[in-house]
PDB file of N, CA and C in Angstrom:
ATOM      1  N   UNK A   1      75.584-110.487 144.956  1.00  0.00           N
ATOM      2  CA  UNK A   1      74.414-110.451 144.090  1.00  0.00           C
ATOM      3  C   UNK A   1      73.812-109.039 144.116  1.00  0.00           C
ATOM      4  N   UNK A   2      73.355-108.569 142.973  1.00  0.00           N
ATOM      5  CA  UNK A   2      72.813-107.205 142.865  1.00  0.00           C
ATOM      6  C   UNK A   2      71.585-106.974 143.734  1.00  0.00           C
ATOM      7  N   UNK A   3      70.773-107.998 143.932  1.00  0.00           N
ATOM      8  CA  UNK A   3      69.578-107.856 144.757  1.00  0.00           C
ATOM      9  C   UNK A   3      69.965-107.512 146.195  1.00  0.00           C
ATOM     10  N   UNK A   4      70.876-108.280 146.774  1.00  0.00           N
ATOM     11  CA  UNK A   4      71.286-108.037 148.158  1.00  0.00           C
ATOM     12  C   UNK A   4      72.038-106.718 148.293  1.00  0.00           C
ATOM     13  N   UNK A   5      72.851-106.405 147.317  1.00  0.00           N
ATOM     14  CA  UNK A   5      73.573-105.140 147.318  1.00  0.00           C
ATOM     15  C   UNK A   5      72.589-103.968 147.286  1.00  0.00           C
ATOM     16  N   UNK A   6      71.528-104.103 146.505  1.00  0.00           N
ATOM     17  CA  UNK A   6      70.508-103.058 146.417  1.00  0.00           C
ATOM     18  C   UNK A   6      69.742-102.915 147.724  1.00  0.00           C
ATOM     19  N   UNK A   7      69.405-104.029 148.335  1.00  0.00           N
ATOM     20  CA  UNK A   7      68.678-104.001 149.614  1.00  0.00           C
ATOM     21  C   UNK A   7      69.517-103.313 150.687  1.00  0.00           C
ATOM     22  N   UNK A   8      70.767-103.709 150.791  1.00  0.00           N
ATOM     23  CA  UNK A   8      71.658-103.133 151.807  1.00  0.00           C
ATOM     24  C   UNK A   8      71.896-101.650 151.526  1.00  0.00           C
ATOM     25  N   UNK A   9      72.095-101.297 150.279  1.00  0.00           N
ATOM     26  CA  UNK A   9      72.331 -99.899 149.911  1.00  0.00           C
ATOM     27  C   UNK A   9      71.118 -99.028 150.199  1.00  0.00           C
ATOM     28  N   UNK A  10      69.927 -99.520 149.901  1.00  0.00           N
ATOM     29  CA  UNK A  10      68.707 -98.754 150.179  1.00  0.00           C
ATOM     30  C   UNK A  10      68.552 -98.530 151.681  1.00  0.00           C
ATOM     31  N   UNK A  11      68.757 -99.580 152.449  1.00  0.00           N
ATOM     32  CA  UNK A  11      68.645 -99.456 153.907  1.00  0.00           C
ATOM     33  C   UNK A  11      69.678 -98.466 154.447  1.00  0.00           C
ATOM     34  N   UNK A  12      70.895 -98.554 153.948  1.00  0.00           N
ATOM     35  CA  UNK A  12      71.951 -97.645 154.404  1.00  0.00           C
ATOM     36  C   UNK A  12      71.612 -96.197 154.047  1.00  0.00           C
ATOM     37  N   UNK A  13      71.102 -95.968 152.846  1.00  0.00           N
ATOM     38  CA  UNK A  13      70.752 -94.602 152.430  1.00  0.00           C
ATOM     39  C   UNK A  13      69.660 -94.026 153.324  1.00  0.00           C
ATOM     40  N   UNK A  14      68.601 -94.805 153.581  1.00  0.00           N
ATOM     41  CA  UNK A  14      67.524 -94.322 154.463  1.00  0.00           C
ATOM     42  C   UNK A  14      68.055 -94.052 155.874  1.00  0.00           C
ATOM     43  N   UNK A  15      68.920 -94.920 156.366  1.00  0.00           N
ATOM     44  CA  UNK A  15      69.487 -94.748 157.706  1.00  0.00           C
ATOM     45  C   UNK A  15      70.321 -93.478 157.791  1.00  0.00           C
ATOM     46  N   UNK A  16      71.105 -93.207 156.753  1.00  0.00           N
ATOM     47  CA  UNK A  16      71.932 -92.001 156.759  1.00  0.00           C
ATOM     48  C   UNK A  16      71.109 -90.734 156.569  1.00  0.00           C
ATOM     49  N   UNK A  17      70.002 -90.831 155.864  1.00  0.00           N
ATOM     50  CA  UNK A  17      69.098 -89.682 155.770  1.00  0.00           C
ATOM     51  C   UNK A  17      68.557 -89.358 157.159  1.00  0.00           C
ATOM     52  N   UNK A  18      68.162 -90.388 157.886  1.00  0.00           N
ATOM     53  CA  UNK A  18      67.674 -90.206 159.256  1.00  0.00           C
ATOM     54  C   UNK A  18      68.778 -89.616 160.143  1.00  0.00           C
ATOM     55  N   UNK A  19      69.987 -90.126 160.011  1.00  0.00           N
ATOM     56  CA  UNK A  19      71.112 -89.615 160.804  1.00  0.00           C
ATOM     57  C   UNK A  19      71.393 -88.155 160.475  1.00  0.00           C
ATOM     58  N   UNK A  20      71.230 -87.775 159.226  1.00  0.00           N
ATOM     59  CA  UNK A  20      71.441 -86.381 158.841  1.00  0.00           C
ATOM     60  C   UNK A  20      70.471 -85.466 159.563  1.00  0.00           C
ATOM     61  N   UNK A  21      69.212 -85.901 159.664  1.00  0.00           N
ATOM     62  CA  UNK A  21      68.217 -85.106 160.397  1.00  0.00           C
ATOM     63  C   UNK A  21      68.535 -85.059 161.887  1.00  0.00           C
ATOM     64  N   UNK A  22      68.840 -86.204 162.447  1.00  0.00           N
ATOM     65  CA  UNK A  22      69.108 -86.269 163.888  1.00  0.00           C
ATOM     66  C   UNK A  22      70.290 -85.390 164.270  1.00  0.00           C
ATOM     67  N   UNK A  23      71.357 -85.455 163.470  1.00  0.00           N
ATOM     68  CA  UNK A  23      72.569 -84.699 163.778  1.00  0.00           C
ATOM     69  C   UNK A  23      72.584 -83.317 163.121  1.00  0.00           C
ATOM     70  N   UNK A  24      71.553 -83.031 162.312  1.00  0.00           N
ATOM     71  CA  UNK A  24      71.455 -81.744 161.615  1.00  0.00           C
ATOM     72  C   UNK A  24      72.746 -81.429 160.847  1.00  0.00           C
ATOM     73  N   UNK A  25      73.129 -82.382 159.999  1.00  0.00           N
ATOM     74  CA  UNK A  25      74.383 -82.257 159.273  1.00  0.00           C
ATOM     75  C   UNK A  25      74.258 -82.776 157.843  1.00  0.00           C
ATOM     76  N   UNK A  26      75.113 -82.261 156.993  1.00  0.00           N
ATOM     77  CA  UNK A  26      75.169 -82.730 155.605  1.00  0.00           C
ATOM     78  C   UNK A  26      76.363 -83.653 155.378  1.00  0.00           C
ATOM     79  N   UNK A  27      77.060 -84.014 156.440  1.00  0.00           N
ATOM     80  CA  UNK A  27      78.296 -84.783 156.278  1.00  0.00           C
ATOM     81  C   UNK A  27      78.069 -86.189 155.708  1.00  0.00           C
ATOM     82  N   UNK A  28      76.852 -86.672 155.726  1.00  0.00           N
ATOM     83  CA  UNK A  28      76.567 -88.011 155.192  1.00  0.00           C
ATOM     84  C   UNK A  28      76.111 -87.986 153.732  1.00  0.00           C
ATOM     85  N   UNK A  29      75.991 -86.812 153.147  1.00  0.00           N
ATOM     86  CA  UNK A  29      75.419 -86.708 151.795  1.00  0.00           C
ATOM     87  C   UNK A  29      76.198 -87.494 150.751  1.00  0.00           C
ATOM     88  N   UNK A  30      77.510 -87.467 150.819  1.00  0.00           N
ATOM     89  CA  UNK A  30      78.281 -88.228 149.823  1.00  0.00           C
ATOM     90  C   UNK A  30      78.079 -89.726 150.017  1.00  0.00           C
ATOM     91  N   UNK A  31      77.957 -90.168 151.257  1.00  0.00           N
ATOM     92  CA  UNK A  31      77.695 -91.588 151.521  1.00  0.00           C
ATOM     93  C   UNK A  31      76.303 -91.979 151.038  1.00  0.00           C
ATOM     94  N   UNK A  32      75.321 -91.105 151.259  1.00  0.00           N
ATOM     95  CA  UNK A  32      73.959 -91.375 150.789  1.00  0.00           C
ATOM     96  C   UNK A  32      73.959 -91.503 149.269  1.00  0.00           C
ATOM     97  N   UNK A  33      74.644 -90.600 148.599  1.00  0.00           N
ATOM     98  CA  UNK A  33      74.723 -90.658 147.134  1.00  0.00           C
ATOM     99  C   UNK A  33      75.420 -91.933 146.672  1.00  0.00           C
ATOM    100  N   UNK A  34      76.455 -92.325 147.386  1.00  0.00           N
ATOM    101  CA  UNK A  34      77.170 -93.564 147.053  1.00  0.00           C
ATOM    102  C   UNK A  34      76.226 -94.762 147.146  1.00  0.00           C
ATOM    103  N   UNK A  35      75.507 -94.856 148.250  1.00  0.00           N
ATOM    104  CA  UNK A  35      74.590 -95.987 148.424  1.00  0.00           C
ATOM    105  C   UNK A  35      73.446 -95.929 147.412  1.00  0.00           C
ATOM    106  N   UNK A  36      72.940 -94.737 147.144  1.00  0.00           N
ATOM    107  CA  UNK A  36      71.880 -94.589 146.138  1.00  0.00           C
ATOM    108  C   UNK A  36      72.354 -95.087 144.780  1.00  0.00           C
ATOM    109  N   UNK A  37      73.572 -94.751 144.438  1.00  0.00           N
ATOM    110  CA  UNK A  37      74.127 -95.169 143.149  1.00  0.00           C
ATOM    111  C   UNK A  37      74.341 -96.682 143.069  1.00  0.00           C
ATOM    112  N   UNK A  38      74.422 -97.344 144.215  1.00  0.00           N
ATOM    113  CA  UNK A  38      74.605 -98.796 144.242  1.00  0.00           C
ATOM    114  C   UNK A  38      73.290 -99.570 144.233  1.00  0.00           C
ATOM    115  N   UNK A  39      72.191 -98.859 144.150  1.00  0.00           N
ATOM    116  CA  UNK A  39      70.885 -99.517 144.040  1.00  0.00           C
ATOM    117  C   UNK A  39      70.638 -99.799 142.566  1.00  0.00           C
ATOM    118  N   UNK A  40      70.407-101.034 142.254  1.00  0.00           N
ATOM    119  CA  UNK A  40      70.264-101.455 140.858  1.00  0.00           C
ATOM    120  C   UNK A  40      68.929-101.009 140.270  1.00  0.00           C
ATOM    121  N   UNK A  41      68.992-100.485 139.052  1.00  0.00           N
ATOM    122  CA  UNK A  41      67.772-100.131 138.323  1.00  0.00           C
ATOM    123  C   UNK A  41      67.153-101.363 137.658  1.00  0.00           C
ATOM    124  N   UNK A  42      67.832-102.477 137.772  1.00  0.00           N
ATOM    125  CA  UNK A  42      67.376-103.724 137.152  1.00  0.00           C
ATOM    126  C   UNK A  42      66.048-104.201 137.744  1.00  0.00           C
ATOM    127  N   UNK A  43      65.867-103.930 139.015  1.00  0.00           N
ATOM    128  CA  UNK A  43      64.665-104.371 139.711  1.00  0.00           C
ATOM    129  C   UNK A  43      63.664-103.228 139.796  1.00  0.00           C
ATOM    130  N   UNK A  44      62.450-103.468 139.340  1.00  0.00           N
ATOM    131  CA  UNK A  44      61.426-102.429 139.251  1.00  0.00           C
ATOM    132  C   UNK A  44      61.162-101.734 140.582  1.00  0.00           C
ATOM    133  N   UNK A  45      61.059-102.496 141.662  1.00  0.00           N
ATOM    134  CA  UNK A  45      60.760-101.901 142.967  1.00  0.00           C
ATOM    135  C   UNK A  45      61.871-100.966 143.437  1.00  0.00           C
ATOM    136  N   UNK A  46      63.082-101.274 143.083  1.00  0.00           N
ATOM    137  CA  UNK A  46      64.191-100.435 143.521  1.00  0.00           C
ATOM    138  C   UNK A  46      64.262 -99.124 142.759  1.00  0.00           C
ATOM    139  N   UNK A  47      63.689 -99.068 141.584  1.00  0.00           N
ATOM    140  CA  UNK A  47      63.619 -97.803 140.850  1.00  0.00           C
ATOM    141  C   UNK A  47      62.849 -96.780 141.671  1.00  0.00           C
ATOM    142  N   UNK A  48      61.725 -97.191 142.238  1.00  0.00           N
ATOM    143  CA  UNK A  48      60.913 -96.302 143.077  1.00  0.00           C
ATOM    144  C   UNK A  48      61.703 -95.835 144.302  1.00  0.00           C
ATOM    145  N   UNK A  49      62.374 -96.763 144.932  1.00  0.00           N
ATOM    146  CA  UNK A  49      63.136 -96.446 146.137  1.00  0.00           C
ATOM    147  C   UNK A  49      64.266 -95.471 145.817  1.00  0.00           C
ATOM    148  N   UNK A  50      64.948 -95.715 144.718  1.00  0.00           N
ATOM    149  CA  UNK A  50      66.065 -94.855 144.316  1.00  0.00           C
ATOM    150  C   UNK A  50      65.586 -93.422 144.063  1.00  0.00           C
ATOM    151  N   UNK A  51      64.468 -93.277 143.389  1.00  0.00           N
ATOM    152  CA  UNK A  51      63.920 -91.941 143.127  1.00  0.00           C
ATOM    153  C   UNK A  51      63.475 -91.266 144.423  1.00  0.00           C
ATOM    154  N   UNK A  52      62.890 -92.045 145.333  1.00  0.00           N
ATOM    155  CA  UNK A  52      62.478 -91.477 146.614  1.00  0.00           C
ATOM    156  C   UNK A  52      63.695 -90.978 147.391  1.00  0.00           C
ATOM    157  N   UNK A  53      64.766 -91.726 147.388  1.00  0.00           N
ATOM    158  CA  UNK A  53      65.987 -91.316 148.088  1.00  0.00           C
ATOM    159  C   UNK A  53      66.540 -90.033 147.470  1.00  0.00           C
ATOM    160  N   UNK A  54      66.512 -89.927 146.153  1.00  0.00           N
ATOM    161  CA  UNK A  54      66.960 -88.696 145.488  1.00  0.00           C
ATOM    162  C   UNK A  54      66.139 -87.497 145.968  1.00  0.00           C
ATOM    163  N   UNK A  55      64.837 -87.688 146.065  1.00  0.00           N
ATOM    164  CA  UNK A  55      63.959 -86.618 146.529  1.00  0.00           C
ATOM    165  C   UNK A  55      64.251 -86.281 147.997  1.00  0.00           C
ATOM    166  N   UNK A  56      64.381 -87.300 148.824  1.00  0.00           N
ATOM    167  CA  UNK A  56      64.635 -87.070 150.243  1.00  0.00           C
ATOM    168  C   UNK A  56      65.957 -86.353 150.471  1.00  0.00           C
ATOM    169  N   UNK A  57      66.936 -86.658 149.663  1.00  0.00           N
ATOM    170  CA  UNK A  57      68.225 -85.994 149.792  1.00  0.00           C
ATOM    171  C   UNK A  57      68.087 -84.490 149.548  1.00  0.00           C
ATOM    172  N   UNK A  58      67.275 -84.126 148.600  1.00  0.00           N
ATOM    173  CA  UNK A  58      67.020 -82.703 148.331  1.00  0.00           C
ATOM    174  C   UNK A  58      66.281 -82.068 149.507  1.00  0.00           C
ATOM    175  N   UNK A  59      65.279 -82.748 150.016  1.00  0.00           N
ATOM    176  CA  UNK A  59      64.495 -82.215 151.135  1.00  0.00           C
ATOM    177  C   UNK A  59      65.365 -82.045 152.376  1.00  0.00           C
ATOM    178  N   UNK A  60      66.213 -83.020 152.649  1.00  0.00           N
ATOM    179  CA  UNK A  60      67.105 -82.913 153.806  1.00  0.00           C
ATOM    180  C   UNK A  60      68.046 -81.720 153.642  1.00  0.00           C
ATOM    181  N   UNK A  61      68.575 -81.545 152.443  1.00  0.00           N
ATOM    182  CA  UNK A  61      69.458 -80.414 152.170  1.00  0.00           C
ATOM    183  C   UNK A  61      68.728 -79.089 152.400  1.00  0.00           C
ATOM    184  N   UNK A  62      67.507 -79.002 151.920  1.00  0.00           N
ATOM    185  CA  UNK A  62      66.692 -77.793 152.108  1.00  0.00           C
ATOM    186  C   UNK A  62      66.472 -77.527 153.592  1.00  0.00           C
ATOM    187  N   UNK A  63      66.104 -78.555 154.340  1.00  0.00           N
ATOM    188  CA  UNK A  63      65.815 -78.382 155.764  1.00  0.00           C
ATOM    189  C   UNK A  63      67.067 -78.029 156.573  1.00  0.00           C
ATOM    190  N   UNK A  64      68.143 -78.763 156.346  1.00  0.00           N
ATOM    191  CA  UNK A  64      69.353 -78.536 157.135  1.00  0.00           C
ATOM    192  C   UNK A  64      69.963 -77.166 156.838  1.00  0.00           C
ATOM    193  N   UNK A  65      69.960 -76.782 155.578  1.00  0.00           N
ATOM    194  CA  UNK A  65      70.549 -75.496 155.199  1.00  0.00           C
ATOM    195  C   UNK A  65      69.552 -74.335 155.268  1.00  0.00           C
ATOM    196  N   UNK A  66      68.349 -74.641 155.773  1.00  0.00           N
ATOM    197  CA  UNK A  66      67.305 -73.628 155.959  1.00  0.00           C
ATOM    198  C   UNK A  66      67.029 -72.852 154.673  1.00  0.00           C
ATOM    199  N   UNK A  67      66.887 -73.612 153.581  1.00  0.00           N
ATOM    200  CA  UNK A  67      66.573 -73.033 152.279  1.00  0.00           C
ATOM    201  C   UNK A  67      65.062 -72.984 152.093  1.00  0.00           C
ATOM    202  N   UNK A  68      64.625 -72.253 151.118  1.00  0.00           N
ATOM    203  CA  UNK A  68      63.199 -72.153 150.832  1.00  0.00           C
ATOM    204  C   UNK A  68      62.793 -73.256 149.864  1.00  0.00           C
ATOM    205  N   UNK A  69      62.016 -74.202 150.342  1.00  0.00           N
ATOM    206  CA  UNK A  69      61.573 -75.321 149.518  1.00  0.00           C
ATOM    207  C   UNK A  69      60.781 -74.834 148.314  1.00  0.00           C
ATOM    208  N   UNK A  70      59.972 -73.828 148.519  1.00  0.00           N
ATOM    209  CA  UNK A  70      59.080 -73.343 147.462  1.00  0.00           C
ATOM    210  C   UNK A  70      59.834 -72.789 146.253  1.00  0.00           C
ATOM    211  N   UNK A  71      61.076 -72.403 146.425  1.00  0.00           N
ATOM    212  CA  UNK A  71      61.862 -71.873 145.313  1.00  0.00           C
ATOM    213  C   UNK A  71      62.906 -72.869 144.807  1.00  0.00           C
ATOM    214  N   UNK A  72      62.895 -74.079 145.352  1.00  0.00           N
ATOM    215  CA  UNK A  72      63.875 -75.088 144.951  1.00  0.00           C
ATOM    216  C   UNK A  72      63.371 -75.835 143.719  1.00  0.00           C
ATOM    217  N   UNK A  73      63.856 -75.442 142.560  1.00  0.00           N
ATOM    218  CA  UNK A  73      63.395 -76.033 141.303  1.00  0.00           C
ATOM    219  C   UNK A  73      63.705 -77.520 141.215  1.00  0.00           C
ATOM    220  N   UNK A  74      64.822 -77.927 141.764  1.00  0.00           N
ATOM    221  CA  UNK A  74      65.205 -79.335 141.719  1.00  0.00           C
ATOM    222  C   UNK A  74      64.203 -80.192 142.502  1.00  0.00           C
ATOM    223  N   UNK A  75      63.751 -79.705 143.638  1.00  0.00           N
ATOM    224  CA  UNK A  75      62.769 -80.446 144.435  1.00  0.00           C
ATOM    225  C   UNK A  75      61.463 -80.618 143.659  1.00  0.00           C
ATOM    226  N   UNK A  76      61.011 -79.551 143.023  1.00  0.00           N
ATOM    227  CA  UNK A  76      59.766 -79.623 142.260  1.00  0.00           C
ATOM    228  C   UNK A  76      59.916 -80.508 141.026  1.00  0.00           C
ATOM    229  N   UNK A  77      61.080 -80.456 140.406  1.00  0.00           N
ATOM    230  CA  UNK A  77      61.322 -81.265 139.216  1.00  0.00           C
ATOM    231  C   UNK A  77      61.262 -82.763 139.538  1.00  0.00           C
ATOM    232  N   UNK A  78      61.974 -83.172 140.584  1.00  0.00           N
ATOM    233  CA  UNK A  78      61.971 -84.592 140.927  1.00  0.00           C
ATOM    234  C   UNK A  78      60.615 -85.008 141.493  1.00  0.00           C
ATOM    235  N   UNK A  79      59.964 -84.111 142.226  1.00  0.00           N
ATOM    236  CA  UNK A  79      58.614 -84.405 142.731  1.00  0.00           C
ATOM    237  C   UNK A  79      57.679 -84.709 141.557  1.00  0.00           C
ATOM    238  N   UNK A  80      57.683 -83.854 140.552  1.00  0.00           N
ATOM    239  CA  UNK A  80      56.813 -84.059 139.388  1.00  0.00           C
ATOM    240  C   UNK A  80      57.167 -85.334 138.627  1.00  0.00           C
ATOM    241  N   UNK A  81      58.451 -85.629 138.510  1.00  0.00           N
ATOM    242  CA  UNK A  81      58.870 -86.862 137.845  1.00  0.00           C
ATOM    243  C   UNK A  81      58.335 -88.089 138.578  1.00  0.00           C
ATOM    244  N   UNK A  82      58.397 -88.054 139.890  1.00  0.00           N
ATOM    245  CA  UNK A  82      57.906 -89.184 140.689  1.00  0.00           C
ATOM    246  C   UNK A  82      56.401 -89.326 140.543  1.00  0.00           C
ATOM    247  N   UNK A  83      55.686 -88.239 140.713  1.00  0.00           N
ATOM    248  CA  UNK A  83      54.222 -88.276 140.660  1.00  0.00           C
ATOM    249  C   UNK A  83      53.720 -88.675 139.275  1.00  0.00           C
ATOM    250  N   UNK A  84      54.397 -88.229 138.230  1.00  0.00           N
ATOM    251  CA  UNK A  84      53.946 -88.496 136.861  1.00  0.00           C
ATOM    252  C   UNK A  84      54.417 -89.830 136.293  1.00  0.00           C
ATOM    253  N   UNK A  85      55.326 -90.493 136.968  1.00  0.00           N
ATOM    254  CA  UNK A  85      55.899 -91.730 136.442  1.00  0.00           C
ATOM    255  C   UNK A  85      54.984 -92.932 136.671  1.00  0.00           C
ATOM    256  N   UNK A  86      54.850 -93.722 135.646  1.00  0.00           N
ATOM    257  CA  UNK A  86      54.078 -94.967 135.781  1.00  0.00           C
ATOM    258  C   UNK A  86      54.932 -96.071 136.391  1.00  0.00           C
ATOM    259  N   UNK A  87      56.223 -95.847 136.517  1.00  0.00           N
ATOM    260  CA  UNK A  87      57.132 -96.855 137.071  1.00  0.00           C
ATOM    261  C   UNK A  87      57.279 -96.761 138.584  1.00  0.00           C
ATOM    262  N   UNK A  88      56.843 -95.651 139.157  1.00  0.00           N
ATOM    263  CA  UNK A  88      56.972 -95.432 140.600  1.00  0.00           C
ATOM    264  C   UNK A  88      55.760 -96.036 141.303  1.00  0.00           C
ATOM    265  N   UNK A  89      56.029 -96.760 142.389  1.00  0.00           N
ATOM    266  CA  UNK A  89      54.942 -97.405 143.127  1.00  0.00           C
ATOM    267  C   UNK A  89      54.039 -96.364 143.787  1.00  0.00           C
ATOM    268  N   UNK A  90      52.796 -96.740 143.999  1.00  0.00           N
ATOM    269  CA  UNK A  90      51.830 -95.818 144.603  1.00  0.00           C
ATOM    270  C   UNK A  90      52.204 -95.472 146.044  1.00  0.00           C
ATOM    271  N   UNK A  91      52.824 -96.389 146.764  1.00  0.00           N
ATOM    272  CA  UNK A  91      53.211 -96.093 148.147  1.00  0.00           C
ATOM    273  C   UNK A  91      54.317 -95.036 148.196  1.00  0.00           C
ATOM    274  N   UNK A  92      55.259 -95.097 147.266  1.00  0.00           N
ATOM    275  CA  UNK A  92      56.309 -94.075 147.214  1.00  0.00           C
ATOM    276  C   UNK A  92      55.696 -92.742 146.807  1.00  0.00           C
ATOM    277  N   UNK A  93      54.812 -92.759 145.846  1.00  0.00           N
ATOM    278  CA  UNK A  93      54.148 -91.520 145.424  1.00  0.00           C
ATOM    279  C   UNK A  93      53.401 -90.882 146.589  1.00  0.00           C
ATOM    280  N   UNK A  94      52.724 -91.700 147.364  1.00  0.00           N
ATOM    281  CA  UNK A  94      51.963 -91.182 148.502  1.00  0.00           C
ATOM    282  C   UNK A  94      52.888 -90.562 149.551  1.00  0.00           C
ATOM    283  N   UNK A  95      53.996 -91.233 149.866  1.00  0.00           N
ATOM    284  CA  UNK A  95      54.946 -90.687 150.849  1.00  0.00           C
ATOM    285  C   UNK A  95      55.552 -89.375 150.356  1.00  0.00           C
ATOM    286  N   UNK A  96      55.961 -89.360 149.090  1.00  0.00           N
ATOM    287  CA  UNK A  96      56.578 -88.159 148.528  1.00  0.00           C
ATOM    288  C   UNK A  96      55.571 -87.013 148.500  1.00  0.00           C
ATOM    289  N   UNK A  97      54.331 -87.302 148.165  1.00  0.00           N
ATOM    290  CA  UNK A  97      53.297 -86.259 148.143  1.00  0.00           C
ATOM    291  C   UNK A  97      53.084 -85.670 149.539  1.00  0.00           C
ATOM    292  N   UNK A  98      53.058 -86.520 150.555  1.00  0.00           N
ATOM    293  CA  UNK A  98      52.890 -86.032 151.928  1.00  0.00           C
ATOM    294  C   UNK A  98      54.051 -85.133 152.342  1.00  0.00           C
ATOM    295  N   UNK A  99      55.257 -85.538 151.995  1.00  0.00           N
ATOM    296  CA  UNK A  99      56.430 -84.724 152.322  1.00  0.00           C
ATOM    297  C   UNK A  99      56.385 -83.401 151.568  1.00  0.00           C
ATOM    298  N   UNK A 100      56.042 -83.469 150.302  1.00  0.00           N
ATOM    299  CA  UNK A 100      55.935 -82.269 149.468  1.00  0.00           C
ATOM    300  C   UNK A 100      54.906 -81.291 150.049  1.00  0.00           C
ATOM    301  N   UNK A 101      53.742 -81.793 150.390  1.00  0.00           N
ATOM    302  CA  UNK A 101      52.703 -80.937 150.972  1.00  0.00           C
ATOM    303  C   UNK A 101      53.144 -80.329 152.286  1.00  0.00           C
ATOM    304  N   UNK A 102      53.808 -81.123 153.111  1.00  0.00           N
ATOM    305  CA  UNK A 102      54.314 -80.622 154.383  1.00  0.00           C
ATOM    306  C   UNK A 102      55.310 -79.493 154.137  1.00  0.00           C
ATOM    307  N   UNK A 103      56.240 -79.699 153.209  1.00  0.00           N
ATOM    308  CA  UNK A 103      57.255 -78.686 152.909  1.00  0.00           C
ATOM    309  C   UNK A 103      56.626 -77.399 152.388  1.00  0.00           C
ATOM    310  N   UNK A 104      55.577 -77.521 151.603  1.00  0.00           N
ATOM    311  CA  UNK A 104      54.920 -76.338 151.058  1.00  0.00           C
ATOM    312  C   UNK A 104      54.216 -75.512 152.113  1.00  0.00           C
ATOM    313  N   UNK A 105      53.629 -76.175 153.096  1.00  0.00           N
ATOM    314  CA  UNK A 105      52.753 -75.470 154.046  1.00  0.00           C
ATOM    315  C   UNK A 105      53.297 -75.373 155.464  1.00  0.00           C
ATOM    316  N   UNK A 106      54.574 -75.676 155.653  1.00  0.00           N
ATOM    317  CA  UNK A 106      55.113 -75.587 157.017  1.00  0.00           C
ATOM    318  C   UNK A 106      55.442 -74.163 157.382  1.00  0.00           C
TER     319      UNK A 106
END
């Protein structure tokens, strides 16, 4: 069922994002993208989660590769899409905003 597949995929993506930070590696990025792609857009709540995972994947890449977040156009683009979207839940917007602010001022 798509609901269970989406739940498992979202959990796996978040877990691999955490593992990427812990191990300071990008080797899980293709797996994270795979799981993200398996999250169904059919369910409204999962749309928010999928967009958050897309944003987190960019942030992890920036941090692990020691890139400058402030010059990463892709990070700002997806951040603005999340913040401006009426389809994204307020809790996801709040988490993404906190991460964005942290990245800007660290």
